[in-house]
Amino acid sequence: MPALVAALFAFALAWTSPAQTKLRGVVVETYGGISENGVQTTHLLTPGGEYMLHYGKRDFKPKFASATCEDIGAIWTITANLIKGHEADLLTAECDGSVDHRMHEPQRIVRLYLDHLSMFRHKEAAQLIAPRLAKSGDSFIMTESRLTDMRAKDLRSLIVASWWFSARSVSGSALRTKVSTVPDSHIRINGASVTITFIVSRATASSRWLIDSIEIE
C-alpha cells in the first residue's frame, strides 16, 4: 500500500508540475515590465516555433556577454517551465553576443534612420532609404514629415532602445524584415496613438539593408 500511495503521489506531481524545457532562438519582441516589479514578456523564435516567455523584471538575472544581448535579434539559450502550448515561465537566459542579422540589422537601420531624422541629418537619413521608396514622391515626404512630428521623448525612446520594436521576417523571404513599434511604446503623433511599421530589405547586389516601406497607422 505505501508503494502504491508513493506511486500515485509521483504521478500526481508529474501531472501538475510544469514541464521544463531548454530552447535556443532569436529575440523578436519584448514588452511589459515598465515598473521594476512588472512582468516582462519576450518572444523567442526557435526552430520549433515562437515562444512567449514571461518573467519578473526584478528577478531576471541573465548571463549576458554584452549589451547586444538585450537587442531585438539577439540569440538566447534559455530554460523555462512550459505553461501551455508555446507559452512558458522563463527560468534562465544566456547570450554570448551572437545575433541573427535578419532581425538585428533591420532594427538597427530603423533606429539609425530615426536618429538622423531627429538631428536633421537628412542626407544621412536618405542613404538608408531604398531607391523605390525615395522615388515615391509626395507620399514619402508626407510620411517622413509625420515621423518628425512625433513627441521628442517618443522619438528618443525608439532611438535608444531596440525593445520598443518587434522584428520578424516577411513570410516567404529571408531578405525582407518587418520592424514595428510594439503597443507598449505608446507612440503618439499630433496627439494620436500610432503604430509605425517599416519593411527593411537587403539589396542582393550590395548586401545592404535599406528601408523599403514606412506605414503609420
Foldseek 3Di string as FASTA:
>chain_A
DVVVVVVVVVVVCVVPFFDKDKFKFFWFAKDWPPDQQIKIWTWGQGPVGIAIEIEGNNPADEAEQDPLCQAGFFMKIFMFGDDDDRYTYTDYIYGDNDGDCLFRVVLLLVLVLLVCLQVVVVVVNVVQADPVLVPPPPVSVVVSVQSNQKDPVLSVVSNPGNNQWGWDADPPDSFKIKIKGDPNSQIDGPRDGWMKIWIWGQDPVPRDIHTHDIDID
